[in-house]
Each structure stands twice: as C-alpha cells, then as structure tokens.
Amino acid sequence: QVQLVESGGGSVQAGGSLRLSCAASGYIFRVDNMGWYRQAPGKQRELVAGISSAHDTNYADSVKDRFTISRDNAKNTMYLQMDSLKPEDTAIYYCNAAIQIHAADFHLYPVWGQGTQVTVSS
C-alpha cells in the first residue's frame, strides 16, 4: 500500500555532509505534513525537522543552521540536507508523513519509512 522509501544514509566523518531523501508511493491523494525523526541507541526518537505541505519548516535546536529540509510536492518526495555533521548526529533517521488517501475524506494517516542509518565519526 502506501509506503515511504528512504535513501541517502551512510557513514561520514565529522564536518561532512549527507543528503537524505524520502519518497512516498502507493495510492495517495495528498501528502500533508512531513518530517524527519532520528533515534540513537538508548535514546528516545526525536523530531529533527518538519515541513508542511505549504513548505513551512521547523528544526530542532540541535540541527538548526546545519540541516535543511525541503520537499517536492509534485514528486511526493522530501529531502534532508545535512551539513557540518557531528558525531552526536549519529542515529537512525526515519521519514514520517501524514497522508490523505481519499479525496472525499480528510483523514491523515501517519506513515513511517524503514529508517536509514547515519553514522558520523570523529
């Protein structure tokens, strides 16, 4: 059915960059708000950055001025450009989207990606 496919994770040295992508596919009427979350071992999952369907954005204080979230509504795809990466950014990054399946109903279903590992070495 509806799924989110992520790519772009990997291993980099501190100060390096990665760009994550997340594409929604399946039967979709509209993708509403989207966001990137991350979870490090032993820690709770946290919101990294969010973006609305109107391209309003917000960031966690820890990544502000280093990460940039964006989306292409025509492709139902979201991106996270990560620059100046730090070891504390190491985590599994998850894509999340609120998806409206049917045009007649304003029901938003949260869908999660499989997660992609980001490892930053010092």
C-alpha atoms as a PDB file:
ATOM      1  CA  GLN A   1       0.000   0.000   0.000  1.00  0.00           C
ATOM      2  CA  VAL A   2       1.310   3.441   0.875  1.00  0.00           C
ATOM      3  CA  GLN A   3       4.953   3.398   1.780  1.00  0.00           C
ATOM      4  CA  LEU A   4       7.901   5.708   2.260  1.00  0.00           C
ATOM      5  CA  VAL A   5      11.191   4.807   0.655  1.00  0.00           C
ATOM      6  CA  GLU A   6      14.321   6.386   2.085  1.00  0.00           C
ATOM      7  CA  SER A   7      17.807   6.680   0.696  1.00  0.00           C
ATOM      8  CA  GLY A   8      20.998   8.607   1.245  1.00  0.00           C
ATOM      9  CA  GLY A   9      22.155   7.356   4.614  1.00  0.00           C
ATOM     10  CA  GLY A  10      25.718   6.324   5.210  1.00  0.00           C
ATOM     11  CA  SER A  11      28.896   6.949   7.125  1.00  0.00           C
ATOM     12  CA  VAL A  12      30.836  10.207   7.052  1.00  0.00           C
ATOM     13  CA  GLN A  13      33.480  11.987   9.042  1.00  0.00           C
ATOM     14  CA  ALA A  14      32.666  14.883  11.311  1.00  0.00           C
ATOM     15  CA  GLY A  15      32.146  18.014   9.282  1.00  0.00           C
ATOM     16  CA  GLY A  16      30.919  16.069   6.281  1.00  0.00           C
ATOM     17  CA  SER A  17      27.558  16.120   4.562  1.00  0.00           C
ATOM     18  CA  LEU A  18      24.784  13.750   3.607  1.00  0.00           C
ATOM     19  CA  ARG A  19      21.504  14.215   1.804  1.00  0.00           C
ATOM     20  CA  LEU A  20      18.585  12.009   2.709  1.00  0.00           C
ATOM     21  CA  SER A  21      15.558  11.529   0.532  1.00  0.00           C
ATOM     22  CA  CYS A  22      12.135  10.084   1.220  1.00  0.00           C
ATOM     23  CA  ALA A  23       9.639   9.269  -1.500  1.00  0.00           C
ATOM     24  CA  ALA A  24       6.016   8.406  -0.811  1.00  0.00           C
ATOM     25  CA  SER A  25       4.424   5.890  -3.144  1.00  0.00           C
ATOM     26  CA  GLY A  26       1.194   3.968  -3.485  1.00  0.00           C
ATOM     27  CA  TYR A  27      -2.371   5.161  -3.570  1.00  0.00           C
ATOM     28  CA  ILE A  28      -2.063   8.754  -2.371  1.00  0.00           C
ATOM     29  CA  PHE A  29      -4.345  11.694  -2.770  1.00  0.00           C
ATOM     30  CA  ARG A  30      -2.188  14.178  -0.913  1.00  0.00           C
ATOM     31  CA  VAL A  31       0.826  14.234   1.354  1.00  0.00           C
ATOM     32  CA  ASP A  32       0.334  16.687   4.174  1.00  0.00           C
ATOM     33  CA  ASN A  33       2.968  17.428   6.807  1.00  0.00           C
ATOM     34  CA  MET A  34       6.220  15.512   6.668  1.00  0.00           C
ATOM     35  CA  GLY A  35       9.153  15.241   8.991  1.00  0.00           C
ATOM     36  CA  TRP A  36      12.472  13.639   9.723  1.00  0.00           C
ATOM     37  CA  TYR A  37      12.999  11.913  13.047  1.00  0.00           C
ATOM     38  CA  ARG A  38      16.040  10.226  14.484  1.00  0.00           C
ATOM     39  CA  GLN A  39      16.732   7.742  17.220  1.00  0.00           C
ATOM     40  CA  ALA A  40      20.106   6.998  18.723  1.00  0.00           C
ATOM     41  CA  PRO A  41      20.770   3.845  20.768  1.00  0.00           C
ATOM     42  CA  GLY A  42      19.291   4.159  24.228  1.00  0.00           C
ATOM     43  CA  LYS A  43      17.568   7.423  23.421  1.00  0.00           C
ATOM     44  CA  GLN A  44      14.034   8.384  22.556  1.00  0.00           C
ATOM     45  CA  ARG A  45      13.073   9.192  18.998  1.00  0.00           C
ATOM     46  CA  GLU A  46      13.117  12.916  18.376  1.00  0.00           C
ATOM     47  CA  LEU A  47      11.915  15.244  15.682  1.00  0.00           C
ATOM     48  CA  VAL A  48      14.781  16.634  13.648  1.00  0.00           C
ATOM     49  CA  ALA A  49      12.924  18.782  11.163  1.00  0.00           C
ATOM     50  CA  GLY A  50       9.411  19.198   9.876  1.00  0.00           C
ATOM     51  CA  ILE A  51       7.891  20.672   6.762  1.00  0.00           C
ATOM     52  CA  SER A  52       4.284  21.409   5.927  1.00  0.00           C
ATOM     53  CA  SER A  53       2.594  20.970   2.583  1.00  0.00           C
ATOM     54  CA  ALA A  54       2.983  24.736   2.184  1.00  0.00           C
ATOM     55  CA  HIS A  55       6.740  24.412   2.771  1.00  0.00           C
ATOM     56  CA  ASP A  56       6.770  25.929   6.253  1.00  0.00           C
ATOM     57  CA  THR A  57       9.710  24.454   8.133  1.00  0.00           C
ATOM     58  CA  ASN A  58      10.907  23.957  11.667  1.00  0.00           C
ATOM     59  CA  TYR A  59      14.054  22.448  13.143  1.00  0.00           C
ATOM     60  CA  ALA A  60      15.319  21.031  16.363  1.00  0.00           C
ATOM     61  CA  ASP A  61      17.702  23.444  18.034  1.00  0.00           C
ATOM     62  CA  SER A  62      20.493  20.901  17.758  1.00  0.00           C
ATOM     63  CA  VAL A  63      20.409  20.905  13.950  1.00  0.00           C
ATOM     64  CA  LYS A  64      19.319  24.441  13.200  1.00  0.00           C
ATOM     65  CA  ASP A  65      21.663  26.188  10.745  1.00  0.00           C
ATOM     66  CA  ARG A  66      23.193  22.844   9.777  1.00  0.00           C
ATOM     67  CA  PHE A  67      20.298  20.864   8.302  1.00  0.00           C
ATOM     68  CA  THR A  68      17.859  21.927   5.612  1.00  0.00           C
ATOM     69  CA  ILE A  69      14.555  20.209   4.981  1.00  0.00           C
ATOM     70  CA  SER A  70      12.755  20.542   1.668  1.00  0.00           C
ATOM     71  CA  ARG A  71      10.123  18.806  -0.414  1.00  0.00           C
ATOM     72  CA  ASP A  72       8.899  18.395  -3.950  1.00  0.00           C
ATOM     73  CA  ASN A  73       5.130  18.095  -3.783  1.00  0.00           C
ATOM     74  CA  ALA A  74       4.846  17.025  -7.412  1.00  0.00           C
ATOM     75  CA  LYS A  75       7.018  14.009  -6.641  1.00  0.00           C
ATOM     76  CA  ASN A  76       5.781  13.422  -3.079  1.00  0.00           C
ATOM     77  CA  THR A  77       9.406  13.492  -2.048  1.00  0.00           C
ATOM     78  CA  MET A  78      11.131  15.053   0.942  1.00  0.00           C
ATOM     79  CA  TYR A  79      14.806  15.756   1.466  1.00  0.00           C
ATOM     80  CA  LEU A  80      17.122  16.481   4.339  1.00  0.00           C
ATOM     81  CA  GLN A  81      20.405  18.141   3.539  1.00  0.00           C
ATOM     82  CA  MET A  82      22.761  17.591   6.454  1.00  0.00           C
ATOM     83  CA  ASP A  83      25.911  19.680   6.612  1.00  0.00           C
ATOM     84  CA  SER A  84      28.588  20.083   9.262  1.00  0.00           C
ATOM     85  CA  LEU A  85      27.693  16.711  10.695  1.00  0.00           C
ATOM     86  CA  LYS A  86      28.721  15.909  14.242  1.00  0.00           C
ATOM     87  CA  PRO A  87      29.197  12.571  15.991  1.00  0.00           C
ATOM     88  CA  GLU A  88      26.101  13.298  18.068  1.00  0.00           C
ATOM     89  CA  ASP A  89      24.082  13.258  14.843  1.00  0.00           C
ATOM     90  CA  THR A  90      24.687   9.520  14.633  1.00  0.00           C
ATOM     91  CA  ALA A  91      21.307   7.800  14.682  1.00  0.00           C
ATOM     92  CA  ILE A  92      18.750   6.000  12.619  1.00  0.00           C
ATOM     93  CA  TYR A  93      16.806   8.588  10.679  1.00  0.00           C
ATOM     94  CA  TYR A  94      13.158   7.981   9.927  1.00  0.00           C
ATOM     95  CA  CYS A  95      10.893   9.661   7.432  1.00  0.00           C
ATOM     96  CA  ASN A  96       7.336  10.358   8.524  1.00  0.00           C
ATOM     97  CA  ALA A  97       4.410  11.657   6.517  1.00  0.00           C
ATOM     98  CA  ALA A  98       0.748  12.368   7.122  1.00  0.00           C
ATOM     99  CA  ILE A  99      -1.030  11.070   4.049  1.00  0.00           C
ATOM    100  CA  GLN A 100      -4.549  11.669   2.846  1.00  0.00           C
ATOM    101  CA  ILE A 101      -5.632   8.581   0.943  1.00  0.00           C
ATOM    102  CA  HIS A 102      -9.104   9.538  -0.268  1.00  0.00           C
ATOM    103  CA  ALA A 103     -10.106  12.841  -1.765  1.00  0.00           C
ATOM    104  CA  ALA A 104     -13.523  12.702  -0.131  1.00  0.00           C
ATOM    105  CA  ASP A 105     -12.203  12.234   3.407  1.00  0.00           C
ATOM    106  CA  PHE A 106      -9.809  14.458   5.288  1.00  0.00           C
ATOM    107  CA  HIS A 107      -8.239  11.585   7.168  1.00  0.00           C
ATOM    108  CA  LEU A 108      -4.497  11.806   7.620  1.00  0.00           C
ATOM    109  CA  TYR A 109      -2.639   8.550   8.135  1.00  0.00           C
ATOM    110  CA  PRO A 110       0.830   8.594   9.631  1.00  0.00           C
ATOM    111  CA  VAL A 111       3.269   6.524   7.623  1.00  0.00           C
ATOM    112  CA  TRP A 112       6.852   5.760   8.573  1.00  0.00           C
ATOM    113  CA  GLY A 113       9.836   4.887   6.481  1.00  0.00           C
ATOM    114  CA  GLN A 114      12.052   1.938   7.286  1.00  0.00           C
ATOM    115  CA  GLY A 115      14.817   4.092   8.694  1.00  0.00           C
ATOM    116  CA  THR A 116      18.279   4.767   7.379  1.00  0.00           C
ATOM    117  CA  GLN A 117      21.477   4.704   9.386  1.00  0.00           C
ATOM    118  CA  VAL A 118      23.593   7.827   9.620  1.00  0.00           C
ATOM    119  CA  THR A 119      26.967   7.411  11.262  1.00  0.00           C
ATOM    120  CA  VAL A 120      29.315  10.319  11.901  1.00  0.00           C
ATOM    121  CA  SER A 121      32.823   9.518  13.059  1.00  0.00           C
ATOM    122  CA  SER A 122      35.055  11.933  14.933  1.00  0.00           C
END
